[in-house]
Amino acid sequence: MTTLQEIEKLLGDYRAWLKDKTTLREIDQSWIEITTPFLDRHNDALQIYARAENGGYVLTDDSYTVHDLETSGCNLSTEKRKDLLKMTLNGFGVKMNNEALEVHASPENFPARKHNLIQAILAVNDLFYLASPIVESLFFEDVVAWLEANDIRYTPKVKFTGMSGFDHLFDFVIPKSARKQPERIVQAINRPTRDSAESFIYAWSDTREVRPPDSKAYAVLNDIEQSISGGVLDAFRNYQIQPVPWSHRGEVVTELAA
């Protein structure tokens, strides 16, 4: 058997697997539930829904993808996240109808449109949960929105030179206020692990010697994506850095806004 024949056989096997593992169930007189062999991030079979409309078909995820992300703590309401979502869906020709991902298909292009919807669902999950640089950027944007919503004045992305001579970049600096609040350094840490804690601890320890003696440091920690270990929290406190879990951010608004 030649390589071409082997590949043709493998493709045939794939099509057979796809057909065998796809099941249909009538929901009512209008909607058909299609269970696919593709798995979502919970390792559950991905399901979409179809109904006839105007000589063609509507295919939808019935809002599952967006609702699942929001229930898991992934906020999709910020402008940057909306733009990322729209850009991803546009790449597959998928539209948002309220919170449902949706495509319209003709009898001729039904297989391709169904495939596009499934790929869009998987891509949206990957975009917001598996791409660490994007998630980190989104958490930074969440912190920006929180500071601005609470009228906390700040300067973003400030670089200070430490005692070592190395430069350290901090996410936000809140200047000393007339209400006798000192300079405050705020760092947004999307993944509060031992490594990320040690990195900020070193940067602050090296820098605090050349900052005003009453300067304070805060580590805003994303505890929505993952829990924070007690060791990480203790490490920050041991170096006079106040840890601020995102779920408890309201507790420091008064002192940061003053």
C-alpha atoms as a PDB file:
ATOM      1  CA  MET A   1       0.000   0.000   0.000  1.00  0.00           C
ATOM      2  CA  THR A   2       1.413   3.395  -0.989  1.00  0.00           C
ATOM      3  CA  THR A   3       1.555   6.376   1.353  1.00  0.00           C
ATOM      4  CA  LEU A   4      -1.286   7.996  -0.592  1.00  0.00           C
ATOM      5  CA  GLN A   5      -3.444   4.925  -0.136  1.00  0.00           C
ATOM      6  CA  GLU A   6      -2.588   4.793   3.564  1.00  0.00           C
ATOM      7  CA  ILE A   7      -3.633   8.393   4.046  1.00  0.00           C
ATOM      8  CA  GLU A   8      -6.847   7.815   2.059  1.00  0.00           C
ATOM      9  CA  LYS A   9      -7.653   4.847   4.313  1.00  0.00           C
ATOM     10  CA  LEU A  10      -6.942   6.888   7.462  1.00  0.00           C
ATOM     11  CA  LEU A  11      -9.215   9.667   6.223  1.00  0.00           C
ATOM     12  CA  GLY A  12     -11.908   7.110   5.511  1.00  0.00           C
ATOM     13  CA  ASP A  13     -11.490   5.712   9.020  1.00  0.00           C
ATOM     14  CA  TYR A  14     -11.783   9.241  10.428  1.00  0.00           C
ATOM     15  CA  ARG A  15     -15.016   9.903   8.517  1.00  0.00           C
ATOM     16  CA  ALA A  16     -16.423   6.585   9.712  1.00  0.00           C
ATOM     17  CA  TRP A  17     -15.468   7.386  13.310  1.00  0.00           C
ATOM     18  CA  LEU A  18     -17.054  10.826  13.034  1.00  0.00           C
ATOM     19  CA  LYS A  19     -20.281   9.324  11.682  1.00  0.00           C
ATOM     20  CA  ASP A  20     -20.423   6.489  14.217  1.00  0.00           C
ATOM     21  CA  LYS A  21     -19.779   8.777  17.205  1.00  0.00           C
ATOM     22  CA  THR A  22     -22.312  11.448  16.180  1.00  0.00           C
ATOM     23  CA  THR A  23     -25.819  10.912  17.534  1.00  0.00           C
ATOM     24  CA  LEU A  24     -29.080  12.773  17.004  1.00  0.00           C
ATOM     25  CA  ARG A  25     -31.982  13.331  19.382  1.00  0.00           C
ATOM     26  CA  GLU A  26     -35.225  15.147  18.686  1.00  0.00           C
ATOM     27  CA  ILE A  27     -35.804  17.793  21.369  1.00  0.00           C
ATOM     28  CA  ASP A  28     -39.183  18.918  20.092  1.00  0.00           C
ATOM     29  CA  GLN A  29     -40.837  19.359  16.713  1.00  0.00           C
ATOM     30  CA  SER A  30     -38.341  22.080  15.800  1.00  0.00           C
ATOM     31  CA  TRP A  31     -34.931  21.333  17.354  1.00  0.00           C
ATOM     32  CA  ILE A  32     -32.545  18.409  16.878  1.00  0.00           C
ATOM     33  CA  GLU A  33     -29.728  17.841  19.385  1.00  0.00           C
ATOM     34  CA  ILE A  34     -26.454  16.769  17.743  1.00  0.00           C
ATOM     35  CA  THR A  35     -23.963  15.087  20.077  1.00  0.00           C
ATOM     36  CA  THR A  36     -20.484  15.080  18.558  1.00  0.00           C
ATOM     37  CA  PRO A  37     -17.366  13.058  19.416  1.00  0.00           C
ATOM     38  CA  PHE A  38     -15.452  16.263  20.160  1.00  0.00           C
ATOM     39  CA  LEU A  39     -14.831  17.025  23.827  1.00  0.00           C
ATOM     40  CA  ASP A  40     -15.167  20.338  25.649  1.00  0.00           C
ATOM     41  CA  ARG A  41     -12.774  21.426  28.408  1.00  0.00           C
ATOM     42  CA  HIS A  42     -14.744  19.311  30.916  1.00  0.00           C
ATOM     43  CA  ASN A  43     -14.173  16.224  28.725  1.00  0.00           C
ATOM     44  CA  ASP A  44     -17.875  16.102  27.945  1.00  0.00           C
ATOM     45  CA  ALA A  45     -19.143  15.454  24.419  1.00  0.00           C
ATOM     46  CA  LEU A  46     -19.810  18.715  22.626  1.00  0.00           C
ATOM     47  CA  GLN A  47     -23.462  19.252  21.712  1.00  0.00           C
ATOM     48  CA  ILE A  48     -25.024  21.650  19.224  1.00  0.00           C
ATOM     49  CA  TYR A  49     -28.608  22.136  18.072  1.00  0.00           C
ATOM     50  CA  ALA A  50     -30.176  22.459  14.619  1.00  0.00           C
ATOM     51  CA  ARG A  51     -33.559  23.449  13.222  1.00  0.00           C
ATOM     52  CA  ALA A  52     -34.925  24.114   9.756  1.00  0.00           C
ATOM     53  CA  GLU A  53     -35.476  27.735   8.756  1.00  0.00           C
ATOM     54  CA  ASN A  54     -36.287  29.388   5.387  1.00  0.00           C
ATOM     55  CA  GLY A  55     -35.108  26.474   3.276  1.00  0.00           C
ATOM     56  CA  GLY A  56     -31.895  26.121   5.287  1.00  0.00           C
ATOM     57  CA  TYR A  57     -30.822  25.451   8.848  1.00  0.00           C
ATOM     58  CA  VAL A  58     -29.847  27.307  12.019  1.00  0.00           C
ATOM     59  CA  LEU A  59     -27.051  25.716  14.069  1.00  0.00           C
ATOM     60  CA  THR A  60     -26.390  26.945  17.604  1.00  0.00           C
ATOM     61  CA  ASP A  61     -24.654  26.046  20.867  1.00  0.00           C
ATOM     62  CA  ASP A  62     -27.709  27.356  22.773  1.00  0.00           C
ATOM     63  CA  SER A  63     -25.435  29.770  24.724  1.00  0.00           C
ATOM     64  CA  TYR A  64     -23.528  26.894  26.353  1.00  0.00           C
ATOM     65  CA  THR A  65     -20.014  28.158  25.588  1.00  0.00           C
ATOM     66  CA  VAL A  66     -20.430  31.678  26.944  1.00  0.00           C
ATOM     67  CA  HIS A  67     -22.489  30.592  29.958  1.00  0.00           C
ATOM     68  CA  ASP A  68     -19.928  27.925  30.858  1.00  0.00           C
ATOM     69  CA  LEU A  69     -17.057  30.399  30.775  1.00  0.00           C
ATOM     70  CA  GLU A  70     -18.949  32.986  32.825  1.00  0.00           C
ATOM     71  CA  THR A  71     -20.021  30.378  35.391  1.00  0.00           C
ATOM     72  CA  SER A  72     -16.370  29.403  35.749  1.00  0.00           C
ATOM     73  CA  GLY A  73     -15.443  32.998  36.567  1.00  0.00           C
ATOM     74  CA  CYS A  74     -14.291  34.178  33.142  1.00  0.00           C
ATOM     75  CA  ASN A  75     -15.768  37.646  32.731  1.00  0.00           C
ATOM     76  CA  LEU A  76     -16.545  38.370  29.069  1.00  0.00           C
ATOM     77  CA  SER A  77     -18.070  41.806  29.559  1.00  0.00           C
ATOM     78  CA  THR A  78     -14.945  43.973  29.154  1.00  0.00           C
ATOM     79  CA  GLU A  79     -14.344  45.649  25.794  1.00  0.00           C
ATOM     80  CA  LYS A  80     -11.069  43.831  25.217  1.00  0.00           C
ATOM     81  CA  ARG A  81     -12.645  40.432  25.845  1.00  0.00           C
ATOM     82  CA  LYS A  82     -15.593  41.273  23.610  1.00  0.00           C
ATOM     83  CA  ASP A  83     -13.185  42.233  20.824  1.00  0.00           C
ATOM     84  CA  LEU A  84     -11.202  38.994  21.236  1.00  0.00           C
ATOM     85  CA  LEU A  85     -14.413  36.962  21.173  1.00  0.00           C
ATOM     86  CA  LYS A  86     -15.708  38.729  18.071  1.00  0.00           C
ATOM     87  CA  MET A  87     -12.381  38.371  16.256  1.00  0.00           C
ATOM     88  CA  THR A  88     -12.244  34.646  17.013  1.00  0.00           C
ATOM     89  CA  LEU A  89     -15.814  34.016  15.868  1.00  0.00           C
ATOM     90  CA  ASN A  90     -15.339  36.050  12.684  1.00  0.00           C
ATOM     91  CA  GLY A  91     -12.513  33.719  11.712  1.00  0.00           C
ATOM     92  CA  PHE A  92     -15.028  30.867  11.531  1.00  0.00           C
ATOM     93  CA  GLY A  93     -17.939  32.857  10.127  1.00  0.00           C
ATOM     94  CA  VAL A  94     -19.857  32.401  13.382  1.00  0.00           C
ATOM     95  CA  LYS A  95     -22.116  35.092  14.848  1.00  0.00           C
ATOM     96  CA  MET A  96     -23.355  35.877  18.346  1.00  0.00           C
ATOM     97  CA  ASN A  97     -27.129  35.876  18.828  1.00  0.00           C
ATOM     98  CA  ASN A  98     -27.529  37.250  22.351  1.00  0.00           C
ATOM     99  CA  GLU A  99     -25.072  34.843  24.029  1.00  0.00           C
ATOM    100  CA  ALA A 100     -25.485  31.923  21.627  1.00  0.00           C
ATOM    101  CA  LEU A 101     -22.881  31.043  18.987  1.00  0.00           C
ATOM    102  CA  GLU A 102     -24.795  30.580  15.744  1.00  0.00           C
ATOM    103  CA  VAL A 103     -24.403  29.876  12.035  1.00  0.00           C
ATOM    104  CA  HIS A 104     -26.861  29.571   9.152  1.00  0.00           C
ATOM    105  CA  ALA A 105     -26.412  26.738   6.678  1.00  0.00           C
ATOM    106  CA  SER A 106     -27.864  25.585   3.385  1.00  0.00           C
ATOM    107  CA  PRO A 107     -28.334  21.890   2.552  1.00  0.00           C
ATOM    108  CA  GLU A 108     -25.202  22.123   0.389  1.00  0.00           C
ATOM    109  CA  ASN A 109     -22.853  23.653   2.971  1.00  0.00           C
ATOM    110  CA  PHE A 110     -24.345  22.094   6.115  1.00  0.00           C
ATOM    111  CA  PRO A 111     -21.308  19.851   6.875  1.00  0.00           C
ATOM    112  CA  ALA A 112     -18.852  22.737   6.529  1.00  0.00           C
ATOM    113  CA  ARG A 113     -20.958  25.125   8.609  1.00  0.00           C
ATOM    114  CA  LYS A 114     -21.451  22.508  11.323  1.00  0.00           C
ATOM    115  CA  HIS A 115     -17.688  21.961  11.383  1.00  0.00           C
ATOM    116  CA  ASN A 116     -17.064  25.721  11.630  1.00  0.00           C
ATOM    117  CA  LEU A 117     -19.400  26.057  14.614  1.00  0.00           C
ATOM    118  CA  ILE A 118     -17.711  23.211  16.467  1.00  0.00           C
ATOM    119  CA  GLN A 119     -14.266  24.642  15.769  1.00  0.00           C
ATOM    120  CA  ALA A 120     -15.411  28.079  16.940  1.00  0.00           C
ATOM    121  CA  ILE A 121     -16.695  26.629  20.235  1.00  0.00           C
ATOM    122  CA  LEU A 122     -13.364  24.883  20.843  1.00  0.00           C
ATOM    123  CA  ALA A 123     -11.386  27.983  19.859  1.00  0.00           C
ATOM    124  CA  VAL A 124     -13.312  30.245  22.245  1.00  0.00           C
ATOM    125  CA  ASN A 125     -12.596  27.856  25.107  1.00  0.00           C
ATOM    126  CA  ASP A 126      -8.915  27.747  24.163  1.00  0.00           C
ATOM    127  CA  LEU A 127      -8.728  31.502  23.753  1.00  0.00           C
ATOM    128  CA  PHE A 128      -9.906  32.327  27.254  1.00  0.00           C
ATOM    129  CA  TYR A 129      -8.591  29.358  29.225  1.00  0.00           C
ATOM    130  CA  LEU A 130      -5.519  27.878  27.559  1.00  0.00           C
ATOM    131  CA  ALA A 131      -3.626  30.883  26.167  1.00  0.00           C
ATOM    132  CA  SER A 132      -1.715  32.107  29.228  1.00  0.00           C
ATOM    133  CA  PRO A 133      -0.376  35.360  27.730  1.00  0.00           C
ATOM    134  CA  ILE A 134      -3.899  36.379  26.712  1.00  0.00           C
ATOM    135  CA  VAL A 135      -5.373  35.470  30.099  1.00  0.00           C
ATOM    136  CA  GLU A 136      -2.595  37.423  31.812  1.00  0.00           C
ATOM    137  CA  SER A 137      -3.327  40.445  29.634  1.00  0.00           C
ATOM    138  CA  LEU A 138      -7.036  40.134  30.353  1.00  0.00           C
ATOM    139  CA  PHE A 139      -6.435  40.036  34.113  1.00  0.00           C
ATOM    140  CA  PHE A 140      -4.354  43.200  33.822  1.00  0.00           C
ATOM    141  CA  GLU A 141      -7.274  44.829  31.989  1.00  0.00           C
ATOM    142  CA  ASP A 142      -9.632  43.672  34.762  1.00  0.00           C
ATOM    143  CA  VAL A 143      -7.419  45.357  37.362  1.00  0.00           C
ATOM    144  CA  VAL A 144      -7.333  48.552  35.285  1.00  0.00           C
ATOM    145  CA  ALA A 145     -11.136  48.561  35.057  1.00  0.00           C
ATOM    146  CA  TRP A 146     -11.421  47.997  38.816  1.00  0.00           C
ATOM    147  CA  LEU A 147      -9.035  50.858  39.647  1.00  0.00           C
ATOM    148  CA  GLU A 148     -10.869  53.243  37.343  1.00  0.00           C
ATOM    149  CA  ALA A 149     -14.319  52.190  38.556  1.00  0.00           C
ATOM    150  CA  ASN A 150     -13.272  53.087  42.083  1.00  0.00           C
ATOM    151  CA  ASP A 151     -11.615  56.412  41.132  1.00  0.00           C
ATOM    152  CA  ILE A 152      -8.185  55.141  42.156  1.00  0.00           C
ATOM    153  CA  ARG A 153      -5.632  57.334  40.399  1.00  0.00           C
ATOM    154  CA  TYR A 154      -2.574  55.505  39.127  1.00  0.00           C
ATOM    155  CA  THR A 155       0.313  55.556  36.702  1.00  0.00           C
ATOM    156  CA  PRO A 156       0.648  52.313  34.711  1.00  0.00           C
ATOM    157  CA  LYS A 157       3.828  50.423  33.868  1.00  0.00           C
ATOM    158  CA  VAL A 158       6.404  52.337  35.895  1.00  0.00           C
ATOM    159  CA  LYS A 159      10.055  51.307  35.890  1.00  0.00           C
ATOM    160  CA  PHE A 160      12.305  51.812  38.938  1.00  0.00           C
ATOM    161  CA  THR A 161      15.998  51.025  39.284  1.00  0.00           C
ATOM    162  CA  GLY A 162      16.795  48.955  42.378  1.00  0.00           C
ATOM    163  CA  MET A 163      19.823  48.855  44.651  1.00  0.00           C
ATOM    164  CA  SER A 164      21.300  46.156  42.422  1.00  0.00           C
ATOM    165  CA  GLY A 165      21.260  48.488  39.435  1.00  0.00           C
ATOM    166  CA  PHE A 166      18.639  46.350  37.706  1.00  0.00           C
ATOM    167  CA  ASP A 167      15.419  47.910  36.437  1.00  0.00           C
ATOM    168  CA  HIS A 168      12.083  46.572  37.683  1.00  0.00           C
ATOM    169  CA  LEU A 169       8.767  47.208  35.936  1.00  0.00           C
ATOM    170  CA  PHE A 170       5.700  47.574  38.166  1.00  0.00           C
ATOM    171  CA  ASP A 171       2.137  47.469  36.866  1.00  0.00           C
ATOM    172  CA  PHE A 172       0.745  50.464  38.767  1.00  0.00           C
ATOM    173  CA  VAL A 173       2.034  53.214  41.021  1.00  0.00           C
ATOM    174  CA  ILE A 174      -0.426  55.229  43.108  1.00  0.00           C
ATOM    175  CA  PRO A 175       1.280  58.463  44.146  1.00  0.00           C
ATOM    176  CA  LYS A 176       1.410  59.852  47.662  1.00  0.00           C
ATOM    177  CA  SER A 177      -1.788  61.681  48.482  1.00  0.00           C
ATOM    178  CA  ALA A 178      -2.672  64.845  50.361  1.00  0.00           C
ATOM    179  CA  ARG A 179      -4.538  62.628  52.834  1.00  0.00           C
ATOM    180  CA  LYS A 180      -1.187  61.347  54.110  1.00  0.00           C
ATOM    181  CA  GLN A 181      -1.370  58.056  52.235  1.00  0.00           C
ATOM    182  CA  PRO A 182       2.120  57.011  51.040  1.00  0.00           C
ATOM    183  CA  GLU A 183       3.211  55.915  47.602  1.00  0.00           C
ATOM    184  CA  ARG A 184       1.670  52.533  46.763  1.00  0.00           C
ATOM    185  CA  ILE A 185       3.028  49.965  44.326  1.00  0.00           C
ATOM    186  CA  VAL A 186       0.417  47.582  42.901  1.00  0.00           C
ATOM    187  CA  GLN A 187       1.290  44.451  40.946  1.00  0.00           C
ATOM    188  CA  ALA A 188      -1.309  42.329  39.096  1.00  0.00           C
ATOM    189  CA  ILE A 189      -0.319  38.660  39.305  1.00  0.00           C
ATOM    190  CA  ASN A 190      -2.424  36.391  37.139  1.00  0.00           C
ATOM    191  CA  ARG A 191      -0.799  33.123  38.287  1.00  0.00           C
ATOM    192  CA  PRO A 192       0.076  33.443  41.993  1.00  0.00           C
ATOM    193  CA  THR A 193       2.629  30.634  42.192  1.00  0.00           C
ATOM    194  CA  ARG A 194       5.840  30.391  44.179  1.00  0.00           C
ATOM    195  CA  ASP A 195       7.852  31.543  41.155  1.00  0.00           C
ATOM    196  CA  SER A 196       5.692  34.608  40.469  1.00  0.00           C
ATOM    197  CA  ALA A 197       5.683  35.474  44.186  1.00  0.00           C
ATOM    198  CA  GLU A 198       9.472  35.245  44.406  1.00  0.00           C
ATOM    199  CA  SER A 199       9.822  37.437  41.312  1.00  0.00           C
ATOM    200  CA  PHE A 200       7.727  40.259  42.779  1.00  0.00           C
ATOM    201  CA  ILE A 201       9.288  39.863  46.242  1.00  0.00           C
ATOM    202  CA  TYR A 202      12.749  40.271  44.746  1.00  0.00           C
ATOM    203  CA  ALA A 203      11.715  43.273  42.636  1.00  0.00           C
ATOM    204  CA  TRP A 204      10.117  45.015  45.612  1.00  0.00           C
ATOM    205  CA  SER A 205      12.939  44.158  48.046  1.00  0.00           C
ATOM    206  CA  ASP A 206      15.517  45.511  45.601  1.00  0.00           C
ATOM    207  CA  THR A 207      13.483  48.657  44.914  1.00  0.00           C
ATOM    208  CA  ARG A 208      12.108  49.642  48.319  1.00  0.00           C
ATOM    209  CA  GLU A 209      15.530  50.822  49.475  1.00  0.00           C
ATOM    210  CA  VAL A 210      15.483  53.614  46.902  1.00  0.00           C
ATOM    211  CA  ARG A 211      11.807  54.545  47.353  1.00  0.00           C
ATOM    212  CA  PRO A 212      10.320  56.708  50.116  1.00  0.00           C
ATOM    213  CA  PRO A 213      10.576  54.800  53.414  1.00  0.00           C
ATOM    214  CA  ASP A 214       6.808  54.641  53.923  1.00  0.00           C
ATOM    215  CA  SER A 215       6.033  53.216  50.445  1.00  0.00           C
ATOM    216  CA  LYS A 216       3.734  50.197  50.411  1.00  0.00           C
ATOM    217  CA  ALA A 217       3.399  47.265  48.025  1.00  0.00           C
ATOM    218  CA  TYR A 218       0.271  45.318  47.088  1.00  0.00           C
ATOM    219  CA  ALA A 219       0.038  42.077  45.120  1.00  0.00           C
ATOM    220  CA  VAL A 220      -3.377  41.718  43.445  1.00  0.00           C
ATOM    221  CA  LEU A 221      -3.762  37.972  42.955  1.00  0.00           C
ATOM    222  CA  ASN A 222      -6.056  36.201  40.510  1.00  0.00           C
ATOM    223  CA  ASP A 223      -7.818  33.577  42.643  1.00  0.00           C
ATOM    224  CA  ILE A 224     -10.570  33.040  40.070  1.00  0.00           C
ATOM    225  CA  GLU A 225      -8.522  30.906  37.677  1.00  0.00           C
ATOM    226  CA  GLN A 226      -6.861  28.947  40.511  1.00  0.00           C
ATOM    227  CA  SER A 227      -6.711  28.870  44.296  1.00  0.00           C
ATOM    228  CA  ILE A 228      -3.819  30.546  46.133  1.00  0.00           C
ATOM    229  CA  SER A 229      -1.703  28.481  48.507  1.00  0.00           C
ATOM    230  CA  GLY A 230      -1.157  29.663  52.064  1.00  0.00           C
ATOM    231  CA  GLY A 231       2.591  29.542  51.458  1.00  0.00           C
ATOM    232  CA  VAL A 232       2.348  32.158  48.717  1.00  0.00           C
ATOM    233  CA  LEU A 233       0.243  34.467  50.891  1.00  0.00           C
ATOM    234  CA  ASP A 234       2.648  34.064  53.836  1.00  0.00           C
ATOM    235  CA  ALA A 235       5.649  34.784  51.611  1.00  0.00           C
ATOM    236  CA  PHE A 236       4.180  38.125  50.561  1.00  0.00           C
ATOM    237  CA  ARG A 237       3.363  39.088  54.151  1.00  0.00           C
ATOM    238  CA  ASN A 238       6.861  38.141  55.337  1.00  0.00           C
ATOM    239  CA  TYR A 239       8.281  40.746  52.968  1.00  0.00           C
ATOM    240  CA  GLN A 240       5.766  43.462  53.884  1.00  0.00           C
ATOM    241  CA  ILE A 241       3.758  43.037  50.682  1.00  0.00           C
ATOM    242  CA  GLN A 242      -0.005  43.011  51.194  1.00  0.00           C
ATOM    243  CA  PRO A 243      -1.603  40.157  49.238  1.00  0.00           C
ATOM    244  CA  VAL A 244      -5.004  41.069  47.768  1.00  0.00           C
ATOM    245  CA  PRO A 245      -6.938  38.074  46.385  1.00  0.00           C
ATOM    246  CA  TRP A 246      -9.145  39.264  43.533  1.00  0.00           C
ATOM    247  CA  SER A 247     -12.229  37.914  45.289  1.00  0.00           C
ATOM    248  CA  HIS A 248     -11.434  40.211  48.269  1.00  0.00           C
ATOM    249  CA  ARG A 249     -10.336  43.295  46.337  1.00  0.00           C
ATOM    250  CA  GLY A 250     -13.086  45.426  47.847  1.00  0.00           C
ATOM    251  CA  GLU A 251     -11.289  45.334  51.187  1.00  0.00           C
ATOM    252  CA  VAL A 252      -8.481  47.637  49.998  1.00  0.00           C
ATOM    253  CA  VAL A 253     -10.459  50.143  47.898  1.00  0.00           C
ATOM    254  CA  THR A 254     -10.570  52.786  50.642  1.00  0.00           C
ATOM    255  CA  GLU A 255      -6.822  52.805  51.297  1.00  0.00           C
ATOM    256  CA  LEU A 256      -5.921  52.777  47.608  1.00  0.00           C
ATOM    257  CA  ALA A 257      -8.405  55.512  46.687  1.00  0.00           C
ATOM    258  CA  ALA A 258      -7.355  57.841  49.526  1.00  0.00           C
END
